[in-house]
Amino acid sequence: MLDQGLTRDQVKDAMTPGKLDILTIIPADEINDKGIRYVRSLINEEGTKGKWDQFWRYFRKTWMGRFDSSLWNVNSMMVGGLDITNRTNNPLEKYNRDFGEKFGRGVHPSLLAFMEIAKAEALGYMNRIQDIKLVIQTAPRHAEAVVTQVPDDYTNFM
């Protein structure tokens, strides 16, 4: 967006929840027309319409052309009843880093060493789950769940 000459404030506004992110939850077949028109109606393009036109050309070419929308749009999962809460991979990245550090930096363990460490890790989680069930330990806090749904004003948007 900055590459198209939009200001940081304009990008920040477009990235606020309920604007550009709507494209990730509406039906994929509506993104290219109704979805983009809807998002554009939410964004103040005054004085920068040409720059926004350039951004939307880039968006269509890259995020609708080069990458299939099924890679970033979760509407079909929502319709299918799949739980899409907390799709971020940050906790997984942290776990992966912590798990890798158990082997040492740059070390490629033997299969036996890997299995021993993985077994110890699994046992630790099994013990933690058991302790939580027995109220010896409390479950870690998680972020509040966010309900993801297509806004009513999108549904009624022409």
N, C-alpha and C. Protein backbone atom coordinates (compact mmCIF):
# COMPACT_ATOMS: atom_id res chain seq x y z
N MET A 1 0.84 -1.19 0.00
CA MET A 1 0.00 0.00 0.00
C MET A 1 0.88 1.25 0.00
N LEU A 2 1.94 1.19 0.79
CA LEU A 2 2.86 2.32 0.80
C LEU A 2 3.54 2.46 -0.56
N ASP A 3 3.79 1.32 -1.23
CA ASP A 3 4.41 1.36 -2.56
C ASP A 3 3.53 2.07 -3.58
N GLN A 4 2.23 2.09 -3.36
CA GLN A 4 1.32 2.79 -4.27
C GLN A 4 1.20 4.27 -3.92
N GLY A 5 1.94 4.72 -2.91
CA GLY A 5 1.94 6.12 -2.55
C GLY A 5 0.92 6.51 -1.50
N LEU A 6 0.27 5.52 -0.89
CA LEU A 6 -0.68 5.83 0.18
C LEU A 6 0.10 6.18 1.45
N THR A 7 -0.47 7.05 2.27
CA THR A 7 0.22 7.46 3.49
C THR A 7 0.05 6.40 4.58
N ARG A 8 0.90 6.47 5.57
CA ARG A 8 0.81 5.52 6.70
C ARG A 8 -0.55 5.62 7.38
N ASP A 9 -1.09 6.82 7.50
CA ASP A 9 -2.41 6.99 8.12
C ASP A 9 -3.50 6.32 7.29
N GLN A 10 -3.40 6.43 5.97
CA GLN A 10 -4.39 5.78 5.10
C GLN A 10 -4.29 4.25 5.22
N VAL A 11 -3.07 3.74 5.27
CA VAL A 11 -2.87 2.30 5.42
C VAL A 11 -3.39 1.85 6.77
N LYS A 12 -3.07 2.61 7.81
CA LYS A 12 -3.54 2.26 9.16
C LYS A 12 -5.06 2.22 9.20
N ASP A 13 -5.70 3.19 8.57
CA ASP A 13 -7.16 3.23 8.53
C ASP A 13 -7.72 2.01 7.79
N ALA A 14 -7.14 1.69 6.64
CA ALA A 14 -7.62 0.55 5.85
C ALA A 14 -7.42 -0.78 6.59
N MET A 15 -6.40 -0.83 7.44
CA MET A 15 -6.09 -2.07 8.15
C MET A 15 -6.84 -2.21 9.48
N THR A 16 -7.65 -1.22 9.85
CA THR A 16 -8.43 -1.36 11.08
C THR A 16 -9.43 -2.49 10.91
N PRO A 17 -9.73 -3.21 11.99
CA PRO A 17 -10.68 -4.33 11.90
C PRO A 17 -12.01 -3.89 11.29
N GLY A 18 -12.51 -4.73 10.39
CA GLY A 18 -13.80 -4.46 9.76
C GLY A 18 -13.69 -3.77 8.42
N LYS A 19 -12.48 -3.54 7.94
CA LYS A 19 -12.32 -2.93 6.62
C LYS A 19 -11.67 -3.94 5.68
N LEU A 20 -10.39 -3.82 5.42
CA LEU A 20 -9.72 -4.70 4.46
C LEU A 20 -9.82 -6.17 4.86
N ASP A 21 -9.83 -6.45 6.16
CA ASP A 21 -9.88 -7.85 6.61
C ASP A 21 -11.21 -8.54 6.29
N ILE A 22 -12.22 -7.77 5.95
CA ILE A 22 -13.52 -8.35 5.56
C ILE A 22 -13.34 -9.30 4.37
N LEU A 23 -12.37 -8.99 3.51
CA LEU A 23 -12.15 -9.82 2.33
C LEU A 23 -11.74 -11.25 2.69
N THR A 24 -11.28 -11.46 3.90
CA THR A 24 -10.87 -12.81 4.31
C THR A 24 -12.04 -13.67 4.75
N ILE A 25 -13.21 -13.07 4.98
CA ILE A 25 -14.33 -13.86 5.51
C ILE A 25 -15.58 -13.88 4.64
N ILE A 26 -15.63 -13.04 3.61
CA ILE A 26 -16.80 -13.07 2.72
C ILE A 26 -16.65 -14.24 1.74
N PRO A 27 -17.74 -14.65 1.09
CA PRO A 27 -17.61 -15.73 0.10
C PRO A 27 -16.57 -15.37 -0.96
N ALA A 28 -15.69 -16.32 -1.26
CA ALA A 28 -14.57 -16.08 -2.18
C ALA A 28 -15.02 -15.59 -3.55
N ASP A 29 -16.15 -16.08 -4.02
CA ASP A 29 -16.61 -15.66 -5.35
C ASP A 29 -17.16 -14.24 -5.37
N GLU A 30 -17.26 -13.59 -4.22
CA GLU A 30 -17.74 -12.21 -4.15
C GLU A 30 -16.61 -11.20 -3.95
N ILE A 31 -15.39 -11.67 -3.71
CA ILE A 31 -14.28 -10.77 -3.39
C ILE A 31 -14.02 -9.78 -4.51
N ASN A 32 -13.85 -10.27 -5.72
CA ASN A 32 -13.40 -9.46 -6.84
C ASN A 32 -14.34 -8.31 -7.19
N ASP A 33 -15.61 -8.46 -6.97
CA ASP A 33 -16.56 -7.40 -7.32
C ASP A 33 -17.17 -6.78 -6.06
N LYS A 34 -18.17 -7.42 -5.50
CA LYS A 34 -18.90 -6.86 -4.36
C LYS A 34 -17.97 -6.61 -3.17
N GLY A 35 -17.08 -7.54 -2.90
CA GLY A 35 -16.20 -7.40 -1.73
C GLY A 35 -15.32 -6.17 -1.81
N ILE A 36 -14.65 -6.01 -2.93
CA ILE A 36 -13.76 -4.85 -3.09
C ILE A 36 -14.57 -3.55 -3.11
N ARG A 37 -15.72 -3.55 -3.79
CA ARG A 37 -16.57 -2.34 -3.78
C ARG A 37 -16.99 -1.99 -2.36
N TYR A 38 -17.34 -3.01 -1.56
CA TYR A 38 -17.76 -2.79 -0.18
C TYR A 38 -16.61 -2.19 0.63
N VAL A 39 -15.43 -2.80 0.53
CA VAL A 39 -14.29 -2.29 1.29
C VAL A 39 -13.97 -0.86 0.86
N ARG A 40 -14.02 -0.60 -0.43
CA ARG A 40 -13.76 0.76 -0.92
C ARG A 40 -14.76 1.75 -0.35
N SER A 41 -16.00 1.31 -0.11
CA SER A 41 -17.00 2.22 0.46
C SER A 41 -16.68 2.56 1.92
N LEU A 42 -15.88 1.74 2.56
CA LEU A 42 -15.52 1.97 3.96
C LEU A 42 -14.26 2.82 4.12
N ILE A 43 -13.46 2.89 3.06
CA ILE A 43 -12.18 3.58 3.11
C ILE A 43 -12.34 4.97 2.51
N ASN A 44 -11.73 5.96 3.16
CA ASN A 44 -11.76 7.33 2.65
C ASN A 44 -10.71 7.45 1.54
N GLU A 45 -11.17 7.49 0.29
CA GLU A 45 -10.27 7.59 -0.86
C GLU A 45 -10.17 9.02 -1.38
N GLU A 46 -10.77 9.95 -0.67
CA GLU A 46 -10.81 11.34 -1.13
C GLU A 46 -9.40 11.86 -1.41
N GLY A 47 -9.20 12.35 -2.63
CA GLY A 47 -7.91 12.92 -3.03
C GLY A 47 -6.85 11.88 -3.39
N THR A 48 -7.16 10.61 -3.21
CA THR A 48 -6.17 9.56 -3.51
C THR A 48 -6.78 8.41 -4.30
N LYS A 49 -7.88 8.67 -5.00
CA LYS A 49 -8.57 7.61 -5.72
C LYS A 49 -7.65 6.90 -6.71
N GLY A 50 -6.79 7.64 -7.40
CA GLY A 50 -5.86 7.04 -8.35
C GLY A 50 -4.90 6.07 -7.67
N LYS A 51 -4.44 6.43 -6.49
CA LYS A 51 -3.53 5.55 -5.74
C LYS A 51 -4.27 4.30 -5.27
N TRP A 52 -5.51 4.48 -4.86
CA TRP A 52 -6.31 3.32 -4.45
C TRP A 52 -6.62 2.43 -5.65
N ASP A 53 -6.90 3.04 -6.81
CA ASP A 53 -7.12 2.25 -8.03
C ASP A 53 -5.89 1.39 -8.31
N GLN A 54 -4.71 1.99 -8.15
CA GLN A 54 -3.45 1.27 -8.37
C GLN A 54 -3.31 0.13 -7.36
N PHE A 55 -3.65 0.39 -6.09
CA PHE A 55 -3.57 -0.66 -5.08
C PHE A 55 -4.50 -1.82 -5.43
N TRP A 56 -5.73 -1.51 -5.82
CA TRP A 56 -6.69 -2.58 -6.10
C TRP A 56 -6.30 -3.37 -7.34
N ARG A 57 -5.64 -2.73 -8.33
CA ARG A 57 -5.10 -3.49 -9.47
C ARG A 57 -4.04 -4.47 -8.98
N TYR A 58 -3.15 -3.97 -8.12
CA TYR A 58 -2.12 -4.84 -7.52
C TYR A 58 -2.78 -5.98 -6.74
N PHE A 59 -3.78 -5.65 -5.93
CA PHE A 59 -4.45 -6.66 -5.10
C PHE A 59 -5.04 -7.75 -5.99
N ARG A 60 -5.77 -7.36 -7.02
CA ARG A 60 -6.40 -8.35 -7.91
C ARG A 60 -5.34 -9.21 -8.60
N LYS A 61 -4.29 -8.57 -9.09
CA LYS A 61 -3.24 -9.31 -9.80
C LYS A 61 -2.53 -10.28 -8.86
N THR A 62 -2.20 -9.83 -7.67
CA THR A 62 -1.41 -10.65 -6.75
C THR A 62 -2.26 -11.59 -5.92
N TRP A 63 -3.23 -11.06 -5.18
CA TRP A 63 -3.97 -11.85 -4.21
C TRP A 63 -5.17 -12.57 -4.79
N MET A 64 -5.56 -12.22 -6.00
CA MET A 64 -6.63 -12.95 -6.69
C MET A 64 -6.07 -13.75 -7.85
N GLY A 65 -4.93 -13.33 -8.38
CA GLY A 65 -4.34 -14.00 -9.53
C GLY A 65 -3.24 -14.97 -9.15
N ARG A 66 -2.19 -14.44 -8.58
CA ARG A 66 -1.03 -15.27 -8.25
C ARG A 66 -1.33 -16.27 -7.14
N PHE A 67 -2.04 -15.82 -6.11
CA PHE A 67 -2.38 -16.69 -4.98
C PHE A 67 -3.88 -16.96 -4.99
N ASP A 68 -4.25 -18.20 -4.95
CA ASP A 68 -5.67 -18.55 -4.91
C ASP A 68 -6.27 -18.06 -3.59
N SER A 69 -7.47 -17.52 -3.66
CA SER A 69 -8.10 -16.97 -2.45
C SER A 69 -8.31 -18.02 -1.37
N SER A 70 -8.32 -19.29 -1.74
CA SER A 70 -8.48 -20.34 -0.72
C SER A 70 -7.31 -20.38 0.25
N LEU A 71 -6.19 -19.73 -0.12
CA LEU A 71 -5.03 -19.67 0.77
C LEU A 71 -5.21 -18.65 1.88
N TRP A 72 -6.08 -17.65 1.66
CA TRP A 72 -6.20 -16.59 2.67
C TRP A 72 -7.65 -16.27 3.04
N ASN A 73 -8.61 -16.82 2.34
CA ASN A 73 -10.02 -16.57 2.65
C ASN A 73 -10.57 -17.77 3.40
N VAL A 74 -11.21 -17.52 4.55
CA VAL A 74 -11.67 -18.62 5.42
C VAL A 74 -13.18 -18.82 5.38
N ASN A 75 -13.88 -18.19 4.44
CA ASN A 75 -15.33 -18.30 4.39
C ASN A 75 -15.80 -19.74 4.28
N SER A 76 -15.16 -20.53 3.43
CA SER A 76 -15.60 -21.92 3.26
C SER A 76 -15.43 -22.71 4.56
N MET A 77 -14.43 -22.36 5.36
CA MET A 77 -14.25 -23.02 6.66
C MET A 77 -15.37 -22.61 7.61
N MET A 78 -15.72 -21.32 7.58
CA MET A 78 -16.80 -20.84 8.45
C MET A 78 -18.11 -21.52 8.08
N VAL A 79 -18.41 -21.59 6.78
CA VAL A 79 -19.65 -22.21 6.31
C VAL A 79 -19.65 -23.69 6.67
N GLY A 80 -18.48 -24.33 6.61
CA GLY A 80 -18.37 -25.75 6.94
C GLY A 80 -18.38 -26.03 8.42
N GLY A 81 -18.45 -24.98 9.24
CA GLY A 81 -18.52 -25.16 10.68
C GLY A 81 -17.18 -25.43 11.35
N LEU A 82 -16.07 -25.20 10.65
CA LEU A 82 -14.76 -25.41 11.26
C LEU A 82 -14.43 -24.25 12.18
N ASP A 83 -13.80 -24.55 13.29
CA ASP A 83 -13.39 -23.52 14.24
C ASP A 83 -12.16 -22.81 13.68
N ILE A 84 -12.29 -21.54 13.40
CA ILE A 84 -11.16 -20.79 12.85
C ILE A 84 -10.57 -19.84 13.87
N THR A 85 -10.91 -20.01 15.12
CA THR A 85 -10.39 -19.14 16.16
C THR A 85 -8.88 -19.27 16.25
N ASN A 86 -8.21 -18.15 16.37
CA ASN A 86 -6.77 -18.10 16.57
C ASN A 86 -6.01 -18.81 15.46
N ARG A 87 -6.13 -18.32 14.24
CA ARG A 87 -5.42 -18.91 13.11
C ARG A 87 -3.97 -18.46 13.06
N THR A 88 -3.56 -17.56 13.95
CA THR A 88 -2.19 -17.08 13.91
C THR A 88 -1.21 -18.22 14.15
N ASN A 89 -0.05 -18.13 13.54
CA ASN A 89 0.94 -19.17 13.73
C ASN A 89 2.01 -18.75 14.73
N ASN A 90 1.87 -17.60 15.38
CA ASN A 90 2.88 -17.16 16.33
C ASN A 90 3.09 -18.14 17.48
N PRO A 91 2.04 -18.68 18.12
CA PRO A 91 2.29 -19.66 19.18
C PRO A 91 3.01 -20.90 18.64
N LEU A 92 2.68 -21.30 17.44
CA LEU A 92 3.33 -22.46 16.84
C LEU A 92 4.80 -22.15 16.55
N GLU A 93 5.08 -20.95 16.07
CA GLU A 93 6.46 -20.57 15.82
C GLU A 93 7.27 -20.58 17.11
N LYS A 94 6.68 -20.07 18.21
CA LYS A 94 7.38 -20.08 19.49
C LYS A 94 7.64 -21.51 19.94
N TYR A 95 6.63 -22.37 19.83
CA TYR A 95 6.81 -23.77 20.23
C TYR A 95 7.91 -24.41 19.38
N ASN A 96 7.88 -24.17 18.08
CA ASN A 96 8.88 -24.75 17.18
C ASN A 96 10.29 -24.29 17.57
N ARG A 97 10.44 -23.00 17.88
CA ARG A 97 11.74 -22.47 18.30
C ARG A 97 12.18 -23.11 19.61
N ASP A 98 11.26 -23.16 20.60
CA ASP A 98 11.60 -23.77 21.90
C ASP A 98 11.96 -25.24 21.74
N PHE A 99 11.20 -25.95 20.93
CA PHE A 99 11.47 -27.38 20.71
C PHE A 99 12.83 -27.57 20.04
N GLY A 100 13.13 -26.73 19.05
CA GLY A 100 14.41 -26.81 18.36
C GLY A 100 15.58 -26.53 19.27
N GLU A 101 15.39 -25.62 20.24
CA GLU A 101 16.47 -25.28 21.17
C GLU A 101 16.83 -26.45 22.09
N LYS A 102 15.94 -27.39 22.24
CA LYS A 102 16.23 -28.57 23.07
C LYS A 102 17.32 -29.42 22.43
N PHE A 103 17.55 -29.26 21.13
CA PHE A 103 18.57 -30.02 20.43
C PHE A 103 19.89 -29.26 20.36
N GLY A 104 19.84 -27.96 20.54
CA GLY A 104 21.03 -27.13 20.38
C GLY A 104 21.00 -26.45 19.02
N ARG A 105 21.70 -25.35 18.93
CA ARG A 105 21.70 -24.57 17.69
C ARG A 105 22.43 -25.29 16.57
N GLY A 106 21.79 -25.35 15.42
CA GLY A 106 22.41 -25.92 14.24
C GLY A 106 22.67 -27.42 14.31
N VAL A 107 22.11 -28.07 15.31
CA VAL A 107 22.34 -29.51 15.47
C VAL A 107 21.24 -30.29 14.77
N HIS A 108 21.62 -31.30 14.04
CA HIS A 108 20.67 -32.21 13.41
C HIS A 108 20.77 -33.53 14.16
N PRO A 109 19.82 -33.78 15.07
CA PRO A 109 19.93 -34.97 15.92
C PRO A 109 19.70 -36.26 15.15
N SER A 110 20.19 -37.33 15.74
CA SER A 110 19.89 -38.64 15.17
C SER A 110 18.41 -38.91 15.40
N LEU A 111 17.87 -39.88 14.70
CA LEU A 111 16.47 -40.23 14.87
C LEU A 111 16.19 -40.63 16.31
N LEU A 112 17.10 -41.38 16.92
CA LEU A 112 16.92 -41.82 18.30
C LEU A 112 16.87 -40.62 19.25
N ALA A 113 17.81 -39.68 19.08
CA ALA A 113 17.83 -38.49 19.94
C ALA A 113 16.55 -37.68 19.75
N PHE A 114 16.10 -37.52 18.50
CA PHE A 114 14.87 -36.79 18.23
C PHE A 114 13.69 -37.45 18.93
N MET A 115 13.59 -38.78 18.80
CA MET A 115 12.47 -39.50 19.41
C MET A 115 12.48 -39.38 20.93
N GLU A 116 13.65 -39.44 21.54
CA GLU A 116 13.74 -39.31 23.00
C GLU A 116 13.27 -37.93 23.45
N ILE A 117 13.69 -36.89 22.76
CA ILE A 117 13.28 -35.53 23.12
C ILE A 117 11.79 -35.34 22.86
N ALA A 118 11.29 -35.86 21.74
CA ALA A 118 9.86 -35.74 21.43
C ALA A 118 9.03 -36.49 22.46
N LYS A 119 9.49 -37.67 22.88
CA LYS A 119 8.77 -38.44 23.91
C LYS A 119 8.73 -37.68 25.23
N ALA A 120 9.86 -37.10 25.62
CA ALA A 120 9.91 -36.33 26.87
C ALA A 120 8.98 -35.13 26.78
N GLU A 121 8.95 -34.49 25.63
CA GLU A 121 8.07 -33.33 25.42
C GLU A 121 6.60 -33.75 25.54
N ALA A 122 6.24 -34.85 24.89
CA ALA A 122 4.86 -35.34 24.95
C ALA A 122 4.49 -35.71 26.37
N LEU A 123 5.39 -36.36 27.08
CA LEU A 123 5.13 -36.74 28.48
C LEU A 123 4.90 -35.50 29.34
N GLY A 124 5.68 -34.46 29.09
CA GLY A 124 5.49 -33.21 29.83
C GLY A 124 4.09 -32.63 29.61
N TYR A 125 3.62 -32.66 28.36
CA TYR A 125 2.27 -32.16 28.07
C TYR A 125 1.20 -33.05 28.68
N MET A 126 1.41 -34.35 28.64
CA MET A 126 0.44 -35.27 29.25
C MET A 126 0.35 -35.03 30.75
N ASN A 127 1.49 -34.81 31.39
CA ASN A 127 1.50 -34.52 32.83
C ASN A 127 0.81 -33.20 33.12
N ARG A 128 1.05 -32.19 32.28
CA ARG A 128 0.41 -30.89 32.49
C ARG A 128 -1.10 -31.02 32.36
N ILE A 129 -1.57 -31.74 31.36
CA ILE A 129 -3.02 -31.94 31.18
C ILE A 129 -3.61 -32.65 32.39
N GLN A 130 -2.93 -33.67 32.87
CA GLN A 130 -3.41 -34.40 34.05
C GLN A 130 -3.45 -33.48 35.28
N ASP A 131 -2.41 -32.67 35.46
CA ASP A 131 -2.37 -31.73 36.59
C ASP A 131 -3.51 -30.71 36.50
N ILE A 132 -3.84 -30.28 35.30
CA ILE A 132 -4.95 -29.34 35.12
C ILE A 132 -6.26 -30.01 35.49
N LYS A 133 -6.43 -31.26 35.06
CA LYS A 133 -7.65 -32.00 35.40
C LYS A 133 -7.78 -32.18 36.91
N LEU A 134 -6.65 -32.38 37.59
CA LEU A 134 -6.67 -32.59 39.05
C LEU A 134 -6.58 -31.28 39.82
N VAL A 135 -6.61 -30.17 39.12
CA VAL A 135 -6.53 -28.82 39.68
C VAL A 135 -5.24 -28.62 40.48
N ILE A 136 -4.19 -29.29 40.08
CA ILE A 136 -2.87 -29.08 40.67
C ILE A 136 -2.21 -27.89 39.98
N GLN A 137 -2.56 -27.70 38.73
CA GLN A 137 -2.02 -26.64 37.90
C GLN A 137 -3.18 -25.99 37.15
N THR A 138 -3.04 -24.74 36.79
CA THR A 138 -4.10 -24.09 36.02
C THR A 138 -3.71 -24.04 34.54
N ALA A 139 -4.70 -24.04 33.70
CA ALA A 139 -4.46 -23.96 32.26
C ALA A 139 -3.91 -22.58 31.91
N PRO A 140 -3.05 -22.51 30.90
CA PRO A 140 -2.53 -21.20 30.50
C PRO A 140 -3.65 -20.31 29.97
N ARG A 141 -3.50 -19.01 30.20
CA ARG A 141 -4.50 -18.06 29.70
C ARG A 141 -4.37 -17.93 28.20
N HIS A 142 -5.49 -17.75 27.55
CA HIS A 142 -5.52 -17.54 26.11
C HIS A 142 -6.20 -16.21 25.83
N ALA A 143 -5.95 -15.71 24.66
CA ALA A 143 -6.62 -14.47 24.25
C ALA A 143 -8.12 -14.72 24.16
N GLU A 144 -8.88 -13.67 24.37
CA GLU A 144 -10.33 -13.77 24.24
C GLU A 144 -10.69 -14.20 22.82
N ALA A 145 -11.65 -15.06 22.71
CA ALA A 145 -12.10 -15.52 21.39
C ALA A 145 -12.78 -14.37 20.66
N VAL A 146 -12.54 -14.29 19.38
CA VAL A 146 -13.16 -13.28 18.54
C VAL A 146 -14.15 -13.99 17.63
N VAL A 147 -15.38 -13.53 17.66
CA VAL A 147 -16.40 -14.13 16.80
C VAL A 147 -16.23 -13.54 15.40
N THR A 148 -16.04 -14.41 14.44
CA THR A 148 -15.83 -13.98 13.06
C THR A 148 -17.11 -14.22 12.28
N GLN A 149 -17.66 -13.14 11.76
CA GLN A 149 -18.86 -13.27 10.94
C GLN A 149 -18.92 -12.14 9.94
N VAL A 150 -19.56 -12.41 8.83
CA VAL A 150 -19.74 -11.40 7.79
C VAL A 150 -20.71 -10.36 8.33
N PRO A 151 -20.34 -9.07 8.29
CA PRO A 151 -21.23 -8.03 8.83
C PRO A 151 -22.55 -7.94 8.06
N ASP A 152 -23.60 -7.60 8.78
CA ASP A 152 -24.92 -7.46 8.16
C ASP A 152 -24.92 -6.41 7.05
N ASP A 153 -24.18 -5.30 7.27
CA ASP A 153 -24.20 -4.26 6.23
C ASP A 153 -23.50 -4.74 4.96
N TYR A 154 -22.61 -5.72 5.04
CA TYR A 154 -22.04 -6.30 3.82
C TYR A 154 -23.10 -7.11 3.09
N THR A 155 -23.83 -7.91 3.84
CA THR A 155 -24.86 -8.77 3.25
C THR A 155 -25.88 -7.93 2.48
N ASN A 156 -26.22 -6.75 3.02
CA ASN A 156 -27.21 -5.88 2.38
C ASN A 156 -26.60 -4.93 1.35
N PHE A 157 -25.29 -4.93 1.21
CA PHE A 157 -24.59 -4.03 0.29
C PHE A 157 -24.86 -4.43 -1.16
N MET A 158 -25.14 -3.46 -2.00
CA MET A 158 -25.40 -3.74 -3.42
C MET A 158 -24.20 -3.39 -4.19
